[in-house]
Amino acid sequence: AYLSSYLTVELGMPLTPALIVSAIAAG
């Protein structure tokens, strides 16, 4: 939740790649 939100709000990343990055980090 926090990582994907930071990526989309602060870095302007689209949500789908932000979710993938967050999933990899959490994994």
mmCIF file of all heavy atoms, coordinates in Angstrom:
data_MODEL
# 
_entry.id   MODEL 
# 
loop_
_atom_site.group_PDB 
_atom_site.id 
_atom_site.type_symbol 
_atom_site.label_atom_id 
_atom_site.label_alt_id 
_atom_site.label_comp_id 
_atom_site.label_asym_id 
_atom_site.label_entity_id 
_atom_site.label_seq_id 
_atom_site.pdbx_PDB_ins_code 
_atom_site.Cartn_x 
_atom_site.Cartn_y 
_atom_site.Cartn_z 
_atom_site.occupancy 
_atom_site.B_iso_or_equiv 
_atom_site.pdbx_formal_charge 
_atom_site.auth_seq_id 
_atom_site.auth_comp_id 
_atom_site.auth_asym_id 
_atom_site.auth_atom_id 
_atom_site.pdbx_PDB_model_num 
ATOM 1   N N   . ALA A 1 1  ? 0.829  -1.206  0.000   1.00 0.00 ? 1  ALA A N   1 
ATOM 2   C CA  . ALA A 1 1  ? 0.000  0.000   0.000   1.00 0.00 ? 1  ALA A CA  1 
ATOM 3   C C   . ALA A 1 1  ? 0.862  1.255   0.000   1.00 0.00 ? 1  ALA A C   1 
ATOM 4   O O   . ALA A 1 1  ? 0.664  2.167   -0.817  1.00 0.00 ? 1  ALA A O   1 
ATOM 5   C CB  . ALA A 1 1  ? -0.932 -0.010  1.214   1.00 0.00 ? 1  ALA A CB  1 
ATOM 6   N N   . TYR A 1 2  ? 1.814  1.315   0.899   1.00 0.00 ? 2  TYR A N   1 
ATOM 7   C CA  . TYR A 1 2  ? 2.641  2.523   1.021   1.00 0.00 ? 2  TYR A CA  1 
ATOM 8   C C   . TYR A 1 2  ? 3.601  2.678   -0.153  1.00 0.00 ? 2  TYR A C   1 
ATOM 9   O O   . TYR A 1 2  ? 3.782  3.791   -0.686  1.00 0.00 ? 2  TYR A O   1 
ATOM 10  C CB  . TYR A 1 2  ? 3.417  2.496   2.342   1.00 0.00 ? 2  TYR A CB  1 
ATOM 11  C CG  . TYR A 1 2  ? 2.621  3.001   3.506   1.00 0.00 ? 2  TYR A CG  1 
ATOM 12  C CD1 . TYR A 1 2  ? 1.991  2.115   4.379   1.00 0.00 ? 2  TYR A CD1 1 
ATOM 13  C CD2 . TYR A 1 2  ? 2.484  4.364   3.737   1.00 0.00 ? 2  TYR A CD2 1 
ATOM 14  C CE1 . TYR A 1 2  ? 1.254  2.585   5.467   1.00 0.00 ? 2  TYR A CE1 1 
ATOM 15  C CE2 . TYR A 1 2  ? 1.742  4.840   4.811   1.00 0.00 ? 2  TYR A CE2 1 
ATOM 16  C CZ  . TYR A 1 2  ? 1.133  3.943   5.673   1.00 0.00 ? 2  TYR A CZ  1 
ATOM 17  O OH  . TYR A 1 2  ? 0.391  4.416   6.727   1.00 0.00 ? 2  TYR A OH  1 
ATOM 18  N N   . LEU A 1 3  ? 4.236  1.588   -0.580  1.00 0.00 ? 3  LEU A N   1 
ATOM 19  C CA  . LEU A 1 3  ? 5.205  1.697   -1.666  1.00 0.00 ? 3  LEU A CA  1 
ATOM 20  C C   . LEU A 1 3  ? 4.518  2.059   -2.982  1.00 0.00 ? 3  LEU A C   1 
ATOM 21  O O   . LEU A 1 3  ? 4.985  2.954   -3.717  1.00 0.00 ? 3  LEU A O   1 
ATOM 22  C CB  . LEU A 1 3  ? 5.983  0.390   -1.812  1.00 0.00 ? 3  LEU A CB  1 
ATOM 23  C CG  . LEU A 1 3  ? 7.068  0.373   -2.896  1.00 0.00 ? 3  LEU A CG  1 
ATOM 24  C CD1 . LEU A 1 3  ? 8.039  1.535   -2.730  1.00 0.00 ? 3  LEU A CD1 1 
ATOM 25  C CD2 . LEU A 1 3  ? 7.805  -0.963  -2.891  1.00 0.00 ? 3  LEU A CD2 1 
ATOM 26  N N   . SER A 1 4  ? 3.419  1.398   -3.298  1.00 0.00 ? 4  SER A N   1 
ATOM 27  C CA  . SER A 1 4  ? 2.716  1.712   -4.547  1.00 0.00 ? 4  SER A CA  1 
ATOM 28  C C   . SER A 1 4  ? 2.164  3.136   -4.516  1.00 0.00 ? 4  SER A C   1 
ATOM 29  O O   . SER A 1 4  ? 2.175  3.845   -5.536  1.00 0.00 ? 4  SER A O   1 
ATOM 30  C CB  . SER A 1 4  ? 1.581  0.707   -4.791  1.00 0.00 ? 4  SER A CB  1 
ATOM 31  O OG  . SER A 1 4  ? 0.579  0.808   -3.791  1.00 0.00 ? 4  SER A OG  1 
ATOM 32  N N   . SER A 1 5  ? 1.699  3.581   -3.352  1.00 0.00 ? 5  SER A N   1 
ATOM 33  C CA  . SER A 1 5  ? 1.190  4.949   -3.227  1.00 0.00 ? 5  SER A CA  1 
ATOM 34  C C   . SER A 1 5  ? 2.307  5.964   -3.433  1.00 0.00 ? 5  SER A C   1 
ATOM 35  O O   . SER A 1 5  ? 2.121  6.988   -4.111  1.00 0.00 ? 5  SER A O   1 
ATOM 36  C CB  . SER A 1 5  ? 0.551  5.148   -1.852  1.00 0.00 ? 5  SER A CB  1 
ATOM 37  O OG  . SER A 1 5  ? -0.567 4.300   -1.686  1.00 0.00 ? 5  SER A OG  1 
ATOM 38  N N   . TYR A 1 6  ? 3.459  5.706   -2.861  1.00 0.00 ? 6  TYR A N   1 
ATOM 39  C CA  . TYR A 1 6  ? 4.597  6.613   -3.041  1.00 0.00 ? 6  TYR A CA  1 
ATOM 40  C C   . TYR A 1 6  ? 5.003  6.678   -4.514  1.00 0.00 ? 6  TYR A C   1 
ATOM 41  O O   . TYR A 1 6  ? 5.277  7.760   -5.046  1.00 0.00 ? 6  TYR A O   1 
ATOM 42  C CB  . TYR A 1 6  ? 5.765  6.140   -2.186  1.00 0.00 ? 6  TYR A CB  1 
ATOM 43  C CG  . TYR A 1 6  ? 6.987  7.023   -2.305  1.00 0.00 ? 6  TYR A CG  1 
ATOM 44  C CD1 . TYR A 1 6  ? 7.105  8.196   -1.560  1.00 0.00 ? 6  TYR A CD1 1 
ATOM 45  C CD2 . TYR A 1 6  ? 8.025  6.700   -3.179  1.00 0.00 ? 6  TYR A CD2 1 
ATOM 46  C CE1 . TYR A 1 6  ? 8.213  9.016   -1.677  1.00 0.00 ? 6  TYR A CE1 1 
ATOM 47  C CE2 . TYR A 1 6  ? 9.139  7.514   -3.305  1.00 0.00 ? 6  TYR A CE2 1 
ATOM 48  C CZ  . TYR A 1 6  ? 9.226  8.673   -2.546  1.00 0.00 ? 6  TYR A CZ  1 
ATOM 49  O OH  . TYR A 1 6  ? 10.330 9.487   -2.672  1.00 0.00 ? 6  TYR A OH  1 
ATOM 50  N N   . LEU A 1 7  ? 5.023  5.526   -5.173  1.00 0.00 ? 7  LEU A N   1 
ATOM 51  C CA  . LEU A 1 7  ? 5.438  5.490   -6.575  1.00 0.00 ? 7  LEU A CA  1 
ATOM 52  C C   . LEU A 1 7  ? 4.460  6.242   -7.475  1.00 0.00 ? 7  LEU A C   1 
ATOM 53  O O   . LEU A 1 7  ? 4.865  6.928   -8.415  1.00 0.00 ? 7  LEU A O   1 
ATOM 54  C CB  . LEU A 1 7  ? 5.567  4.036   -7.036  1.00 0.00 ? 7  LEU A CB  1 
ATOM 55  C CG  . LEU A 1 7  ? 6.712  3.228   -6.411  1.00 0.00 ? 7  LEU A CG  1 
ATOM 56  C CD1 . LEU A 1 7  ? 6.635  1.773   -6.843  1.00 0.00 ? 7  LEU A CD1 1 
ATOM 57  C CD2 . LEU A 1 7  ? 8.068  3.817   -6.776  1.00 0.00 ? 7  LEU A CD2 1 
ATOM 58  N N   . THR A 1 8  ? 3.170  6.119   -7.190  1.00 0.00 ? 8  THR A N   1 
ATOM 59  C CA  . THR A 1 8  ? 2.177  6.789   -8.051  1.00 0.00 ? 8  THR A CA  1 
ATOM 60  C C   . THR A 1 8  ? 2.025  8.265   -7.727  1.00 0.00 ? 8  THR A C   1 
ATOM 61  O O   . THR A 1 8  ? 1.852  9.090   -8.631  1.00 0.00 ? 8  THR A O   1 
ATOM 62  C CB  . THR A 1 8  ? 0.810  6.095   -7.935  1.00 0.00 ? 8  THR A CB  1 
ATOM 63  O OG1 . THR A 1 8  ? 0.387  6.085   -6.558  1.00 0.00 ? 8  THR A OG1 1 
ATOM 64  C CG2 . THR A 1 8  ? 0.869  4.664   -8.454  1.00 0.00 ? 8  THR A CG2 1 
ATOM 65  N N   . VAL A 1 9  ? 2.104  8.623   -6.449  1.00 0.00 ? 9  VAL A N   1 
ATOM 66  C CA  . VAL A 1 9  ? 1.877  10.015  -6.051  1.00 0.00 ? 9  VAL A CA  1 
ATOM 67  C C   . VAL A 1 9  ? 3.148  10.851  -6.191  1.00 0.00 ? 9  VAL A C   1 
ATOM 68  O O   . VAL A 1 9  ? 3.130  11.933  -6.788  1.00 0.00 ? 9  VAL A O   1 
ATOM 69  C CB  . VAL A 1 9  ? 1.348  10.085  -4.599  1.00 0.00 ? 9  VAL A CB  1 
ATOM 70  C CG1 . VAL A 1 9  ? 1.239  11.538  -4.138  1.00 0.00 ? 9  VAL A CG1 1 
ATOM 71  C CG2 . VAL A 1 9  ? -0.005 9.398   -4.492  1.00 0.00 ? 9  VAL A CG2 1 
ATOM 72  N N   . GLU A 1 10 ? 4.240  10.371  -5.646  1.00 0.00 ? 10 GLU A N   1 
ATOM 73  C CA  . GLU A 1 10 ? 5.471  11.160  -5.616  1.00 0.00 ? 10 GLU A CA  1 
ATOM 74  C C   . GLU A 1 10 ? 6.292  11.048  -6.897  1.00 0.00 ? 10 GLU A C   1 
ATOM 75  O O   . GLU A 1 10 ? 6.935  12.013  -7.312  1.00 0.00 ? 10 GLU A O   1 
ATOM 76  C CB  . GLU A 1 10 ? 6.327  10.734  -4.412  1.00 0.00 ? 10 GLU A CB  1 
ATOM 77  C CG  . GLU A 1 10 ? 5.640  10.913  -3.067  1.00 0.00 ? 10 GLU A CG  1 
ATOM 78  C CD  . GLU A 1 10 ? 5.373  12.374  -2.743  1.00 0.00 ? 10 GLU A CD  1 
ATOM 79  O OE1 . GLU A 1 10 ? 6.062  13.252  -3.296  1.00 0.00 ? 10 GLU A OE1 1 
ATOM 80  O OE2 . GLU A 1 10 ? 4.470  12.642  -1.924  1.00 0.00 ? 10 GLU A OE2 1 
ATOM 81  N N   . LEU A 1 11 ? 6.289  9.871   -7.522  1.00 0.00 ? 11 LEU A N   1 
ATOM 82  C CA  . LEU A 1 11 ? 7.114  9.664   -8.716  1.00 0.00 ? 11 LEU A CA  1 
ATOM 83  C C   . LEU A 1 11 ? 6.303  9.639   -10.006 1.00 0.00 ? 11 LEU A C   1 
ATOM 84  O O   . LEU A 1 11 ? 6.876  9.564   -11.094 1.00 0.00 ? 11 LEU A O   1 
ATOM 85  C CB  . LEU A 1 11 ? 7.913  8.365   -8.584  1.00 0.00 ? 11 LEU A CB  1 
ATOM 86  C CG  . LEU A 1 11 ? 8.853  8.271   -7.368  1.00 0.00 ? 11 LEU A CG  1 
ATOM 87  C CD1 . LEU A 1 11 ? 9.637  6.973   -7.409  1.00 0.00 ? 11 LEU A CD1 1 
ATOM 88  C CD2 . LEU A 1 11 ? 9.797  9.465   -7.303  1.00 0.00 ? 11 LEU A CD2 1 
ATOM 89  N N   . GLY A 1 12 ? 4.981  9.661   -9.903  1.00 0.00 ? 12 GLY A N   1 
ATOM 90  C CA  . GLY A 1 12 ? 4.131  9.692   -11.085 1.00 0.00 ? 12 GLY A CA  1 
ATOM 91  C C   . GLY A 1 12 ? 4.116  8.413   -11.895 1.00 0.00 ? 12 GLY A C   1 
ATOM 92  O O   . GLY A 1 12 ? 3.772  8.423   -13.082 1.00 0.00 ? 12 GLY A O   1 
ATOM 93  N N   . MET A 1 13 ? 4.444  7.299   -11.284 1.00 0.00 ? 13 MET A N   1 
ATOM 94  C CA  . MET A 1 13 ? 4.450  6.017   -11.993 1.00 0.00 ? 13 MET A CA  1 
ATOM 95  C C   . MET A 1 13 ? 3.021  5.515   -12.186 1.00 0.00 ? 13 MET A C   1 
ATOM 96  O O   . MET A 1 13 ? 2.188  5.645   -11.281 1.00 0.00 ? 13 MET A O   1 
ATOM 97  C CB  . MET A 1 13 ? 5.265  4.981   -11.203 1.00 0.00 ? 13 MET A CB  1 
ATOM 98  C CG  . MET A 1 13 ? 5.378  3.624   -11.879 1.00 0.00 ? 13 MET A CG  1 
ATOM 99  S SD  . MET A 1 13 ? 6.308  2.419   -10.897 1.00 0.00 ? 13 MET A SD  1 
ATOM 100 C CE  . MET A 1 13 ? 7.965  3.111   -10.979 1.00 0.00 ? 13 MET A CE  1 
ATOM 101 N N   . PRO A 1 14 ? 2.695  4.923   -13.333 1.00 0.00 ? 14 PRO A N   1 
ATOM 102 C CA  . PRO A 1 14 ? 1.373  4.313   -13.511 1.00 0.00 ? 14 PRO A CA  1 
ATOM 103 C C   . PRO A 1 14 ? 1.138  3.215   -12.476 1.00 0.00 ? 14 PRO A C   1 
ATOM 104 O O   . PRO A 1 14 ? 2.092  2.590   -11.996 1.00 0.00 ? 14 PRO A O   1 
ATOM 105 C CB  . PRO A 1 14 ? 1.431  3.747   -14.932 1.00 0.00 ? 14 PRO A CB  1 
ATOM 106 C CG  . PRO A 1 14 ? 2.483  4.555   -15.610 1.00 0.00 ? 14 PRO A CG  1 
ATOM 107 C CD  . PRO A 1 14 ? 3.504  4.873   -14.566 1.00 0.00 ? 14 PRO A CD  1 
ATOM 108 N N   . LEU A 1 15 ? -0.121 2.976   -12.152 1.00 0.00 ? 15 LEU A N   1 
ATOM 109 C CA  . LEU A 1 15 ? -0.436 2.072   -11.049 1.00 0.00 ? 15 LEU A CA  1 
ATOM 110 C C   . LEU A 1 15 ? 0.007  0.636   -11.313 1.00 0.00 ? 15 LEU A C   1 
ATOM 111 O O   . LEU A 1 15 ? 0.566  -0.012  -10.411 1.00 0.00 ? 15 LEU A O   1 
ATOM 112 C CB  . LEU A 1 15 ? -1.942 2.102   -10.765 1.00 0.00 ? 15 LEU A CB  1 
ATOM 113 C CG  . LEU A 1 15 ? -2.421 1.168   -9.649  1.00 0.00 ? 15 LEU A CG  1 
ATOM 114 C CD1 . LEU A 1 15 ? -1.664 1.418   -8.352  1.00 0.00 ? 15 LEU A CD1 1 
ATOM 115 C CD2 . LEU A 1 15 ? -3.920 1.326   -9.431  1.00 0.00 ? 15 LEU A CD2 1 
ATOM 116 N N   . THR A 1 16 ? -0.230 0.117   -12.509 1.00 0.00 ? 16 THR A N   1 
ATOM 117 C CA  . THR A 1 16 ? 0.096  -1.294  -12.760 1.00 0.00 ? 16 THR A CA  1 
ATOM 118 C C   . THR A 1 16 ? 1.572  -1.598  -12.539 1.00 0.00 ? 16 THR A C   1 
ATOM 119 O O   . THR A 1 16 ? 1.900  -2.537  -11.789 1.00 0.00 ? 16 THR A O   1 
ATOM 120 C CB  . THR A 1 16 ? -0.340 -1.704  -14.178 1.00 0.00 ? 16 THR A CB  1 
ATOM 121 O OG1 . THR A 1 16 ? -1.760 -1.548  -14.299 1.00 0.00 ? 16 THR A OG1 1 
ATOM 122 C CG2 . THR A 1 16 ? 0.027  -3.160  -14.460 1.00 0.00 ? 16 THR A CG2 1 
ATOM 123 N N   . PRO A 1 17 ? 2.512  -0.865  -13.132 1.00 0.00 ? 17 PRO A N   1 
ATOM 124 C CA  . PRO A 1 17 ? 3.920  -1.140  -12.817 1.00 0.00 ? 17 PRO A CA  1 
ATOM 125 C C   . PRO A 1 17 ? 4.259  -0.865  -11.358 1.00 0.00 ? 17 PRO A C   1 
ATOM 126 O O   . PRO A 1 17 ? 5.130  -1.532  -10.782 1.00 0.00 ? 17 PRO A O   1 
ATOM 127 C CB  . PRO A 1 17 ? 4.698  -0.215  -13.752 1.00 0.00 ? 17 PRO A CB  1 
ATOM 128 C CG  . PRO A 1 17 ? 3.721  0.786   -14.235 1.00 0.00 ? 17 PRO A CG  1 
ATOM 129 C CD  . PRO A 1 17 ? 2.385  0.141   -14.205 1.00 0.00 ? 17 PRO A CD  1 
ATOM 130 N N   . ALA A 1 18 ? 3.571  0.099   -10.731 1.00 0.00 ? 18 ALA A N   1 
ATOM 131 C CA  . ALA A 1 18 ? 3.817  0.371   -9.309  1.00 0.00 ? 18 ALA A CA  1 
ATOM 132 C C   . ALA A 1 18 ? 3.418  -0.837  -8.457  1.00 0.00 ? 18 ALA A C   1 
ATOM 133 O O   . ALA A 1 18 ? 4.115  -1.178  -7.488  1.00 0.00 ? 18 ALA A O   1 
ATOM 134 C CB  . ALA A 1 18 ? 3.031  1.610   -8.872  1.00 0.00 ? 18 ALA A CB  1 
ATOM 135 N N   . LEU A 1 19 ? 2.309  -1.490  -8.818  1.00 0.00 ? 19 LEU A N   1 
ATOM 136 C CA  . LEU A 1 19 ? 1.895  -2.695  -8.095  1.00 0.00 ? 19 LEU A CA  1 
ATOM 137 C C   . LEU A 1 19 ? 2.899  -3.823  -8.286  1.00 0.00 ? 19 LEU A C   1 
ATOM 138 O O   . LEU A 1 19 ? 3.206  -4.567  -7.340  1.00 0.00 ? 19 LEU A O   1 
ATOM 139 C CB  . LEU A 1 19 ? 0.512  -3.140  -8.574  1.00 0.00 ? 19 LEU A CB  1 
ATOM 140 C CG  . LEU A 1 19 ? -0.682 -2.275  -8.162  1.00 0.00 ? 19 LEU A CG  1 
ATOM 141 C CD1 . LEU A 1 19 ? -1.959 -2.792  -8.808  1.00 0.00 ? 19 LEU A CD1 1 
ATOM 142 C CD2 . LEU A 1 19 ? -0.837 -2.243  -6.643  1.00 0.00 ? 19 LEU A CD2 1 
ATOM 143 N N   . ILE A 1 20 ? 3.423  -3.949  -9.495  1.00 0.00 ? 20 ILE A N   1 
ATOM 144 C CA  . ILE A 1 20 ? 4.403  -5.005  -9.767  1.00 0.00 ? 20 ILE A CA  1 
ATOM 145 C C   . ILE A 1 20 ? 5.676  -4.774  -8.965  1.00 0.00 ? 20 ILE A C   1 
ATOM 146 O O   . ILE A 1 20 ? 6.230  -5.704  -8.356  1.00 0.00 ? 20 ILE A O   1 
ATOM 147 C CB  . ILE A 1 20 ? 4.703  -5.075  -11.277 1.00 0.00 ? 20 ILE A CB  1 
ATOM 148 C CG1 . ILE A 1 20 ? 3.445  -5.511  -12.039 1.00 0.00 ? 20 ILE A CG1 1 
ATOM 149 C CG2 . ILE A 1 20 ? 5.863  -6.029  -11.554 1.00 0.00 ? 20 ILE A CG2 1 
ATOM 150 C CD1 . ILE A 1 20 ? 3.583  -5.438  -13.541 1.00 0.00 ? 20 ILE A CD1 1 
ATOM 151 N N   . VAL A 1 21 ? 6.160  -3.532  -8.945  1.00 0.00 ? 21 VAL A N   1 
ATOM 152 C CA  . VAL A 1 21 ? 7.363  -3.198  -8.164  1.00 0.00 ? 21 VAL A CA  1 
ATOM 153 C C   . VAL A 1 21 ? 7.115  -3.467  -6.680  1.00 0.00 ? 21 VAL A C   1 
ATOM 154 O O   . VAL A 1 21 ? 7.972  -4.037  -5.986  1.00 0.00 ? 21 VAL A O   1 
ATOM 155 C CB  . VAL A 1 21 ? 7.755  -1.726  -8.383  1.00 0.00 ? 21 VAL A CB  1 
ATOM 156 C CG1 . VAL A 1 21 ? 8.865  -1.314  -7.413  1.00 0.00 ? 21 VAL A CG1 1 
ATOM 157 C CG2 . VAL A 1 21 ? 8.220  -1.502  -9.815  1.00 0.00 ? 21 VAL A CG2 1 
ATOM 158 N N   . SER A 1 22 ? 5.953  -3.079  -6.196  1.00 0.00 ? 22 SER A N   1 
ATOM 159 C CA  . SER A 1 22 ? 5.612  -3.291  -4.787  1.00 0.00 ? 22 SER A CA  1 
ATOM 160 C C   . SER A 1 22 ? 5.547  -4.782  -4.458  1.00 0.00 ? 22 SER A C   1 
ATOM 161 O O   . SER A 1 22 ? 6.004  -5.211  -3.385  1.00 0.00 ? 22 SER A O   1 
ATOM 162 C CB  . SER A 1 22 ? 4.273  -2.633  -4.461  1.00 0.00 ? 22 SER A CB  1 
ATOM 163 O OG  . SER A 1 22 ? 4.309  -1.253  -4.732  1.00 0.00 ? 22 SER A OG  1 
ATOM 164 N N   . ALA A 1 23 ? 4.983  -5.561  -5.373  1.00 0.00 ? 23 ALA A N   1 
ATOM 165 C CA  . ALA A 1 23 ? 4.888  -7.009  -5.152  1.00 0.00 ? 23 ALA A CA  1 
ATOM 166 C C   . ALA A 1 23 ? 6.277  -7.642  -5.098  1.00 0.00 ? 23 ALA A C   1 
ATOM 167 O O   . ALA A 1 23 ? 6.547  -8.508  -4.254  1.00 0.00 ? 23 ALA A O   1 
ATOM 168 C CB  . ALA A 1 23 ? 4.057  -7.648  -6.258  1.00 0.00 ? 23 ALA A CB  1 
ATOM 169 N N   . ILE A 1 24 ? 7.170  -7.205  -5.980  1.00 0.00 ? 24 ILE A N   1 
ATOM 170 C CA  . ILE A 1 24 ? 8.532  -7.745  -5.984  1.00 0.00 ? 24 ILE A CA  1 
ATOM 171 C C   . ILE A 1 24 ? 9.246  -7.387  -4.681  1.00 0.00 ? 24 ILE A C   1 
ATOM 172 O O   . ILE A 1 24 ? 9.905  -8.241  -4.062  1.00 0.00 ? 24 ILE A O   1 
ATOM 173 C CB  . ILE A 1 24 ? 9.312  -7.211  -7.202  1.00 0.00 ? 24 ILE A CB  1 
ATOM 174 C CG1 . ILE A 1 24 ? 8.716  -7.781  -8.496  1.00 0.00 ? 24 ILE A CG1 1 
ATOM 175 C CG2 . ILE A 1 24 ? 10.801 -7.580  -7.102  1.00 0.00 ? 24 ILE A CG2 1 
ATOM 176 C CD1 . ILE A 1 24 ? 9.296  -7.167  -9.754  1.00 0.00 ? 24 ILE A CD1 1 
ATOM 177 N N   . ALA A 1 25 ? 9.116  -6.122  -4.263  1.00 0.00 ? 25 ALA A N   1 
ATOM 178 C CA  . ALA A 1 25 ? 9.766  -5.685  -3.025  1.00 0.00 ? 25 ALA A CA  1 
ATOM 179 C C   . ALA A 1 25 ? 9.239  -6.467  -1.823  1.00 0.00 ? 25 ALA A C   1 
ATOM 180 O O   . ALA A 1 25 ? 10.017 -6.943  -0.980  1.00 0.00 ? 25 ALA A O   1 
ATOM 181 C CB  . ALA A 1 25 ? 9.541  -4.188  -2.827  1.00 0.00 ? 25 ALA A CB  1 
ATOM 182 N N   . ALA A 1 26 ? 7.920  -6.611  -1.733  1.00 0.00 ? 26 ALA A N   1 
ATOM 183 C CA  . ALA A 1 26 ? 7.328  -7.356  -0.623  1.00 0.00 ? 26 ALA A CA  1 
ATOM 184 C C   . ALA A 1 26 ? 7.712  -8.828  -0.690  1.00 0.00 ? 26 ALA A C   1 
ATOM 185 O O   . ALA A 1 26 ? 7.936  -9.473  0.344   1.00 0.00 ? 26 ALA A O   1 
ATOM 186 C CB  . ALA A 1 26 ? 5.810  -7.208  -0.636  1.00 0.00 ? 26 ALA A CB  1 
ATOM 187 N N   . GLY A 1 27 ? 7.809  -9.373  -1.911  1.00 0.00 ? 27 GLY A N   1 
ATOM 188 C CA  . GLY A 1 27 ? 8.216  -10.763 -2.065  1.00 0.00 ? 27 GLY A CA  1 
ATOM 189 C C   . GLY A 1 27 ? 9.627  -11.001 -1.551  1.00 0.00 ? 27 GLY A C   1 
ATOM 190 O O   . GLY A 1 27 ? 9.905  -12.018 -0.898  1.00 0.00 ? 27 GLY A O   1 
# 
